[in-house]
Amino acid sequence: MLLDLLALRPWWSGHDVVWVAVRAPDTEIALAGRRVHWRPEVFASTRLRLVPATWRALRLLRAERPDVIVSAGTGVAVGFFLAARLLRVPSLWLETLNMTGRAGVAARICTRLAAAVLVQRPALLKTRPRAVLIGELY
């Protein structure tokens, strides 16, 4: 998932980018030297945990004031997409290349909240609302 976002570097490299990620050894290496807010994993199927996660996301988004949110992520993204909707910040969901079947809970929620869903496979255009084909990133 993170590799897909990193592959968009030509698009985001000219902007002030802030990352929100779940801390893991590979993520720490990939985001070394970048501005990162580390968050614990949130499982979208545990609805009660989404309330404090969304509250924390609201506070962070108010502080950072992003122009857009882009995610290919996990349950952490749900709180941010909910907060972005409340703050009227557009959000984009990037469907990862390895996604071929039914999306997970976090992806299903985020695609409903997203202004657009970026897909890498033409077959996903039929099954993802507001899908935009961007092609394979790597």
N, C-alpha and C. Protein backbone atom coordinates (compact mmCIF):
# COMPACT_ATOMS: atom_id res chain seq x y z
N MET A 1 0.81 -1.18 0.00
CA MET A 1 0.00 0.00 0.00
C MET A 1 0.86 1.26 0.00
N LEU A 2 1.85 1.28 0.89
CA LEU A 2 2.74 2.43 0.94
C LEU A 2 3.53 2.55 -0.36
N LEU A 3 3.91 1.42 -0.94
CA LEU A 3 4.66 1.46 -2.20
C LEU A 3 3.85 2.13 -3.30
N ASP A 4 2.54 1.90 -3.30
CA ASP A 4 1.69 2.54 -4.31
C ASP A 4 1.70 4.06 -4.13
N LEU A 5 1.62 4.52 -2.89
CA LEU A 5 1.66 5.96 -2.63
C LEU A 5 3.02 6.55 -2.96
N LEU A 6 4.07 5.83 -2.64
CA LEU A 6 5.42 6.31 -2.97
C LEU A 6 5.62 6.38 -4.48
N ALA A 7 4.97 5.48 -5.21
CA ALA A 7 5.08 5.49 -6.67
C ALA A 7 4.43 6.73 -7.29
N LEU A 8 3.58 7.40 -6.53
CA LEU A 8 2.97 8.65 -7.01
C LEU A 8 3.87 9.86 -6.79
N ARG A 9 5.12 9.63 -6.46
CA ARG A 9 6.04 10.72 -6.15
C ARG A 9 6.07 11.83 -7.21
N PRO A 10 6.07 11.52 -8.50
CA PRO A 10 6.06 12.62 -9.48
C PRO A 10 4.89 13.58 -9.28
N TRP A 11 3.78 13.07 -8.79
CA TRP A 11 2.60 13.90 -8.56
C TRP A 11 2.71 14.72 -7.28
N TRP A 12 3.17 14.08 -6.17
CA TRP A 12 3.17 14.79 -4.89
C TRP A 12 4.48 15.45 -4.53
N SER A 13 5.54 15.22 -5.28
CA SER A 13 6.86 15.73 -4.89
C SER A 13 6.96 17.25 -4.87
N GLY A 14 6.13 17.93 -5.61
CA GLY A 14 6.17 19.39 -5.63
C GLY A 14 5.30 20.04 -4.57
N HIS A 15 4.76 19.23 -3.67
CA HIS A 15 3.85 19.74 -2.66
C HIS A 15 4.41 19.53 -1.26
N ASP A 16 3.86 20.23 -0.30
CA ASP A 16 4.20 20.04 1.10
C ASP A 16 3.44 18.81 1.57
N VAL A 17 4.15 17.71 1.75
CA VAL A 17 3.52 16.42 2.03
C VAL A 17 3.72 16.05 3.50
N VAL A 18 2.64 15.62 4.12
CA VAL A 18 2.67 15.10 5.48
C VAL A 18 2.11 13.70 5.42
N TRP A 19 2.81 12.76 6.02
CA TRP A 19 2.39 11.37 6.02
C TRP A 19 1.76 11.01 7.36
N VAL A 20 0.77 10.14 7.32
CA VAL A 20 0.21 9.50 8.50
C VAL A 20 0.34 8.01 8.24
N ALA A 21 1.00 7.31 9.14
CA ALA A 21 1.28 5.90 8.90
C ALA A 21 1.29 5.11 10.20
N VAL A 22 1.11 3.82 10.05
CA VAL A 22 1.24 2.90 11.17
C VAL A 22 2.72 2.52 11.26
N ARG A 23 3.29 2.67 12.44
CA ARG A 23 4.71 2.40 12.61
C ARG A 23 5.01 0.90 12.44
N ALA A 24 5.94 0.62 11.56
CA ALA A 24 6.44 -0.73 11.30
C ALA A 24 7.86 -0.55 10.76
N PRO A 25 8.72 -1.55 10.92
CA PRO A 25 10.11 -1.38 10.45
C PRO A 25 10.23 -0.97 8.99
N ASP A 26 9.46 -1.60 8.10
CA ASP A 26 9.56 -1.24 6.67
C ASP A 26 9.01 0.16 6.41
N THR A 27 7.98 0.56 7.13
CA THR A 27 7.41 1.89 6.96
C THR A 27 8.38 2.96 7.46
N GLU A 28 9.05 2.69 8.58
CA GLU A 28 10.04 3.64 9.10
C GLU A 28 11.16 3.86 8.10
N ILE A 29 11.60 2.79 7.45
CA ILE A 29 12.66 2.90 6.45
C ILE A 29 12.16 3.68 5.23
N ALA A 30 10.98 3.33 4.74
CA ALA A 30 10.45 3.98 3.53
C ALA A 30 10.17 5.47 3.74
N LEU A 31 9.82 5.85 4.96
CA LEU A 31 9.46 7.25 5.21
C LEU A 31 10.54 8.00 5.98
N ALA A 32 11.73 7.42 6.07
CA ALA A 32 12.83 8.09 6.77
C ALA A 32 13.10 9.46 6.16
N GLY A 33 13.23 10.46 7.02
CA GLY A 33 13.50 11.82 6.56
C GLY A 33 12.27 12.60 6.13
N ARG A 34 11.11 11.99 6.17
CA ARG A 34 9.87 12.67 5.79
C ARG A 34 9.10 13.06 7.06
N ARG A 35 8.21 14.01 6.91
CA ARG A 35 7.37 14.44 8.02
C ARG A 35 6.25 13.41 8.20
N VAL A 36 6.27 12.71 9.33
CA VAL A 36 5.33 11.61 9.55
C VAL A 36 4.66 11.76 10.91
N HIS A 37 3.36 11.52 10.93
CA HIS A 37 2.61 11.38 12.18
C HIS A 37 2.30 9.90 12.31
N TRP A 38 2.85 9.26 13.32
CA TRP A 38 2.65 7.83 13.52
C TRP A 38 1.35 7.61 14.28
N ARG A 39 0.54 6.68 13.80
CA ARG A 39 -0.73 6.36 14.43
C ARG A 39 -0.82 4.85 14.63
N PRO A 40 -1.50 4.43 15.69
CA PRO A 40 -1.72 2.99 15.86
C PRO A 40 -2.73 2.49 14.84
N GLU A 41 -2.66 1.22 14.53
CA GLU A 41 -3.61 0.63 13.60
C GLU A 41 -5.01 0.69 14.21
N VAL A 42 -5.98 0.96 13.38
CA VAL A 42 -7.38 0.97 13.79
C VAL A 42 -8.09 0.00 12.86
N PHE A 43 -8.87 -0.88 13.43
CA PHE A 43 -9.59 -1.84 12.60
C PHE A 43 -10.98 -1.29 12.33
N ALA A 44 -11.29 -1.07 11.08
CA ALA A 44 -12.54 -0.42 10.68
C ALA A 44 -13.75 -1.21 11.13
N SER A 45 -13.60 -2.50 11.33
CA SER A 45 -14.74 -3.31 11.77
C SER A 45 -15.07 -3.06 13.24
N THR A 46 -14.17 -2.41 13.98
CA THR A 46 -14.41 -2.07 15.39
C THR A 46 -14.89 -0.63 15.43
N ARG A 47 -16.18 -0.45 15.25
CA ARG A 47 -16.75 0.89 15.08
C ARG A 47 -16.49 1.82 16.26
N LEU A 48 -16.49 1.30 17.47
CA LEU A 48 -16.28 2.16 18.64
C LEU A 48 -14.89 2.80 18.62
N ARG A 49 -13.93 2.14 18.04
CA ARG A 49 -12.58 2.71 17.96
C ARG A 49 -12.48 3.79 16.90
N LEU A 50 -13.44 3.84 16.00
CA LEU A 50 -13.41 4.86 14.95
C LEU A 50 -13.72 6.25 15.49
N VAL A 51 -14.48 6.32 16.56
CA VAL A 51 -14.85 7.63 17.13
C VAL A 51 -13.60 8.36 17.63
N PRO A 52 -12.79 7.77 18.54
CA PRO A 52 -11.59 8.50 18.96
C PRO A 52 -10.57 8.67 17.83
N ALA A 53 -10.52 7.72 16.90
CA ALA A 53 -9.60 7.85 15.77
C ALA A 53 -9.99 9.02 14.88
N THR A 54 -11.29 9.21 14.69
CA THR A 54 -11.77 10.33 13.89
C THR A 54 -11.51 11.65 14.61
N TRP A 55 -11.70 11.67 15.91
CA TRP A 55 -11.44 12.88 16.70
C TRP A 55 -9.96 13.27 16.58
N ARG A 56 -9.06 12.30 16.71
CA ARG A 56 -7.62 12.58 16.58
C ARG A 56 -7.29 13.05 15.17
N ALA A 57 -7.95 12.45 14.18
CA ALA A 57 -7.72 12.86 12.80
C ALA A 57 -8.22 14.29 12.57
N LEU A 58 -9.35 14.65 13.15
CA LEU A 58 -9.86 16.02 13.04
C LEU A 58 -8.85 17.02 13.59
N ARG A 59 -8.31 16.72 14.76
CA ARG A 59 -7.34 17.63 15.37
C ARG A 59 -6.10 17.77 14.49
N LEU A 60 -5.62 16.66 13.95
CA LEU A 60 -4.42 16.72 13.10
C LEU A 60 -4.71 17.46 11.80
N LEU A 61 -5.85 17.20 11.19
CA LEU A 61 -6.17 17.88 9.93
C LEU A 61 -6.38 19.38 10.14
N ARG A 62 -6.95 19.76 11.26
CA ARG A 62 -7.08 21.19 11.54
C ARG A 62 -5.72 21.85 11.72
N ALA A 63 -4.78 21.12 12.30
CA ALA A 63 -3.43 21.66 12.50
C ALA A 63 -2.65 21.72 11.19
N GLU A 64 -2.74 20.69 10.38
CA GLU A 64 -1.96 20.59 9.14
C GLU A 64 -2.61 21.30 7.96
N ARG A 65 -3.93 21.40 7.94
CA ARG A 65 -4.69 22.07 6.90
C ARG A 65 -4.34 21.57 5.48
N PRO A 66 -4.52 20.29 5.21
CA PRO A 66 -4.19 19.76 3.88
C PRO A 66 -5.17 20.21 2.81
N ASP A 67 -4.69 20.21 1.57
CA ASP A 67 -5.55 20.52 0.42
C ASP A 67 -6.29 19.27 -0.04
N VAL A 68 -5.68 18.11 0.19
CA VAL A 68 -6.24 16.84 -0.24
C VAL A 68 -5.67 15.72 0.63
N ILE A 69 -6.42 14.65 0.77
CA ILE A 69 -5.98 13.46 1.49
C ILE A 69 -5.91 12.34 0.44
N VAL A 70 -4.83 11.60 0.45
CA VAL A 70 -4.69 10.45 -0.44
C VAL A 70 -4.29 9.25 0.40
N SER A 71 -4.98 8.14 0.20
CA SER A 71 -4.65 6.95 0.97
C SER A 71 -4.86 5.69 0.15
N ALA A 72 -4.06 4.71 0.45
CA ALA A 72 -4.24 3.36 -0.06
C ALA A 72 -4.24 2.42 1.13
N GLY A 73 -4.49 3.01 2.28
CA GLY A 73 -4.17 2.38 3.54
C GLY A 73 -5.16 1.44 4.17
N THR A 74 -4.96 1.34 5.45
CA THR A 74 -5.70 0.40 6.27
C THR A 74 -6.76 1.14 7.06
N GLY A 75 -7.14 0.58 8.19
CA GLY A 75 -8.18 1.17 9.02
C GLY A 75 -7.88 2.57 9.51
N VAL A 76 -6.62 2.96 9.61
CA VAL A 76 -6.27 4.31 10.03
C VAL A 76 -6.89 5.33 9.07
N ALA A 77 -6.97 4.99 7.81
CA ALA A 77 -7.50 5.91 6.80
C ALA A 77 -8.96 6.26 7.06
N VAL A 78 -9.73 5.36 7.64
CA VAL A 78 -11.16 5.60 7.83
C VAL A 78 -11.40 6.84 8.67
N GLY A 79 -10.73 6.97 9.80
CA GLY A 79 -10.88 8.15 10.64
C GLY A 79 -10.51 9.42 9.90
N PHE A 80 -9.47 9.36 9.09
CA PHE A 80 -9.05 10.53 8.33
C PHE A 80 -10.04 10.87 7.21
N PHE A 81 -10.61 9.88 6.57
CA PHE A 81 -11.60 10.15 5.53
C PHE A 81 -12.88 10.72 6.12
N LEU A 82 -13.27 10.21 7.30
CA LEU A 82 -14.44 10.78 7.98
C LEU A 82 -14.17 12.23 8.39
N ALA A 83 -13.00 12.48 8.97
CA ALA A 83 -12.62 13.84 9.38
C ALA A 83 -12.53 14.76 8.16
N ALA A 84 -11.96 14.26 7.07
CA ALA A 84 -11.84 15.06 5.85
C ALA A 84 -13.22 15.43 5.32
N ARG A 85 -14.15 14.52 5.38
CA ARG A 85 -15.52 14.80 4.92
C ARG A 85 -16.13 15.91 5.78
N LEU A 86 -15.94 15.83 7.11
CA LEU A 86 -16.48 16.85 8.01
C LEU A 86 -15.87 18.22 7.75
N LEU A 87 -14.58 18.24 7.38
CA LEU A 87 -13.86 19.50 7.14
C LEU A 87 -13.92 19.93 5.68
N ARG A 88 -14.60 19.16 4.87
CA ARG A 88 -14.73 19.44 3.43
C ARG A 88 -13.37 19.45 2.71
N VAL A 89 -12.52 18.54 3.11
CA VAL A 89 -11.23 18.35 2.45
C VAL A 89 -11.41 17.17 1.49
N PRO A 90 -11.15 17.34 0.20
CA PRO A 90 -11.32 16.21 -0.72
C PRO A 90 -10.35 15.08 -0.39
N SER A 91 -10.82 13.87 -0.60
CA SER A 91 -9.98 12.70 -0.34
C SER A 91 -10.00 11.78 -1.56
N LEU A 92 -8.89 11.14 -1.80
CA LEU A 92 -8.73 10.20 -2.91
C LEU A 92 -8.32 8.85 -2.35
N TRP A 93 -8.97 7.82 -2.81
CA TRP A 93 -8.60 6.47 -2.40
C TRP A 93 -7.84 5.82 -3.55
N LEU A 94 -6.66 5.32 -3.28
CA LEU A 94 -5.85 4.64 -4.29
C LEU A 94 -5.98 3.14 -4.08
N GLU A 95 -6.62 2.47 -5.01
CA GLU A 95 -6.77 1.03 -4.94
C GLU A 95 -5.43 0.40 -5.32
N THR A 96 -4.91 -0.44 -4.47
CA THR A 96 -3.59 -1.01 -4.71
C THR A 96 -3.62 -2.00 -5.89
N LEU A 97 -2.48 -2.18 -6.50
CA LEU A 97 -2.37 -3.04 -7.68
C LEU A 97 -2.79 -4.47 -7.37
N ASN A 98 -2.47 -4.94 -6.18
CA ASN A 98 -2.77 -6.34 -5.87
C ASN A 98 -4.25 -6.59 -5.58
N MET A 99 -5.06 -5.54 -5.54
CA MET A 99 -6.49 -5.69 -5.27
C MET A 99 -7.19 -6.13 -6.55
N THR A 100 -7.77 -7.30 -6.50
CA THR A 100 -8.48 -7.81 -7.68
C THR A 100 -9.91 -8.20 -7.34
N GLY A 101 -10.19 -8.49 -6.09
CA GLY A 101 -11.53 -8.94 -5.71
C GLY A 101 -12.25 -7.93 -4.86
N ARG A 102 -13.00 -8.44 -3.93
CA ARG A 102 -13.80 -7.62 -3.03
C ARG A 102 -12.88 -6.82 -2.10
N ALA A 103 -13.18 -5.56 -1.96
CA ALA A 103 -12.39 -4.68 -1.11
C ALA A 103 -12.65 -5.00 0.36
N GLY A 104 -11.67 -4.68 1.21
CA GLY A 104 -11.82 -4.86 2.64
C GLY A 104 -12.73 -3.80 3.24
N VAL A 105 -13.00 -3.90 4.54
CA VAL A 105 -13.91 -2.98 5.21
C VAL A 105 -13.42 -1.54 5.09
N ALA A 106 -12.15 -1.29 5.39
CA ALA A 106 -11.62 0.08 5.32
C ALA A 106 -11.74 0.64 3.91
N ALA A 107 -11.42 -0.15 2.92
CA ALA A 107 -11.50 0.30 1.53
C ALA A 107 -12.95 0.59 1.14
N ARG A 108 -13.87 -0.24 1.57
CA ARG A 108 -15.28 -0.01 1.23
C ARG A 108 -15.79 1.29 1.84
N ILE A 109 -15.41 1.57 3.08
CA ILE A 109 -15.84 2.82 3.72
C ILE A 109 -15.19 4.01 3.03
N CYS A 110 -13.88 3.93 2.84
CA CYS A 110 -13.14 5.07 2.26
C CYS A 110 -13.56 5.36 0.82
N THR A 111 -13.86 4.33 0.04
CA THR A 111 -14.28 4.59 -1.34
C THR A 111 -15.63 5.31 -1.38
N ARG A 112 -16.48 5.06 -0.38
CA ARG A 112 -17.76 5.79 -0.31
C ARG A 112 -17.55 7.25 0.05
N LEU A 113 -16.54 7.53 0.85
CA LEU A 113 -16.28 8.89 1.31
C LEU A 113 -15.39 9.68 0.34
N ALA A 114 -14.68 8.97 -0.53
CA ALA A 114 -13.70 9.61 -1.41
C ALA A 114 -14.35 10.41 -2.54
N ALA A 115 -13.69 11.48 -2.92
CA ALA A 115 -14.12 12.25 -4.09
C ALA A 115 -13.89 11.44 -5.36
N ALA A 116 -12.82 10.63 -5.36
CA ALA A 116 -12.51 9.76 -6.50
C ALA A 116 -11.74 8.56 -6.00
N VAL A 117 -11.86 7.48 -6.74
CA VAL A 117 -11.15 6.24 -6.45
C VAL A 117 -10.20 5.99 -7.62
N LEU A 118 -8.92 5.94 -7.33
CA LEU A 118 -7.91 5.73 -8.36
C LEU A 118 -7.64 4.23 -8.46
N VAL A 119 -7.82 3.66 -9.64
CA VAL A 119 -7.61 2.23 -9.82
C VAL A 119 -6.50 2.00 -10.84
N GLN A 120 -5.82 0.87 -10.67
CA GLN A 120 -4.70 0.54 -11.54
C GLN A 120 -5.06 -0.53 -12.57
N ARG A 121 -6.21 -1.16 -12.39
CA ARG A 121 -6.66 -2.21 -13.30
C ARG A 121 -7.99 -1.81 -13.95
N PRO A 122 -8.10 -1.94 -15.28
CA PRO A 122 -9.36 -1.58 -15.96
C PRO A 122 -10.56 -2.35 -15.43
N ALA A 123 -10.37 -3.60 -15.00
CA ALA A 123 -11.49 -4.40 -14.52
C ALA A 123 -12.16 -3.79 -13.30
N LEU A 124 -11.44 -2.99 -12.54
CA LEU A 124 -12.01 -2.39 -11.33
C LEU A 124 -12.91 -1.19 -11.62
N LEU A 125 -12.88 -0.69 -12.85
CA LEU A 125 -13.75 0.44 -13.20
C LEU A 125 -15.23 0.09 -13.03
N LYS A 126 -15.57 -1.18 -13.23
CA LYS A 126 -16.96 -1.61 -13.14
C LYS A 126 -17.43 -1.76 -11.70
N THR A 127 -16.51 -2.02 -10.80
CA THR A 127 -16.92 -2.35 -9.42
C THR A 127 -16.62 -1.25 -8.40
N ARG A 128 -15.94 -0.20 -8.80
CA ARG A 128 -15.60 0.88 -7.86
C ARG A 128 -16.31 2.17 -8.26
N PRO A 129 -17.17 2.71 -7.39
CA PRO A 129 -17.84 3.97 -7.70
C PRO A 129 -16.81 5.10 -7.88
N ARG A 130 -17.05 5.98 -8.78
CA ARG A 130 -16.21 7.15 -9.06
C ARG A 130 -14.76 6.75 -9.40
N ALA A 131 -14.59 5.60 -10.03
CA ALA A 131 -13.25 5.11 -10.35
C ALA A 131 -12.63 5.86 -11.51
N VAL A 132 -11.33 6.11 -11.38
CA VAL A 132 -10.54 6.75 -12.43
C VAL A 132 -9.34 5.84 -12.67
N LEU A 133 -9.18 5.38 -13.90
CA LEU A 133 -8.07 4.50 -14.23
C LEU A 133 -6.79 5.30 -14.36
N ILE A 134 -5.79 4.98 -13.52
CA ILE A 134 -4.50 5.65 -13.61
C ILE A 134 -3.42 4.72 -14.15
N GLY A 135 -3.74 3.44 -14.29
CA GLY A 135 -2.77 2.48 -14.79
C GLY A 135 -1.83 2.00 -13.68
N GLU A 136 -1.00 1.03 -14.04
CA GLU A 136 -0.07 0.47 -13.07
C GLU A 136 1.00 1.48 -12.70
N LEU A 137 1.27 1.58 -11.42
CA LEU A 137 2.24 2.55 -10.93
C LEU A 137 3.67 2.02 -10.92
N TYR A 138 3.81 0.72 -10.88
CA TYR A 138 5.16 0.10 -10.88
C TYR A 138 5.07 -1.31 -11.37
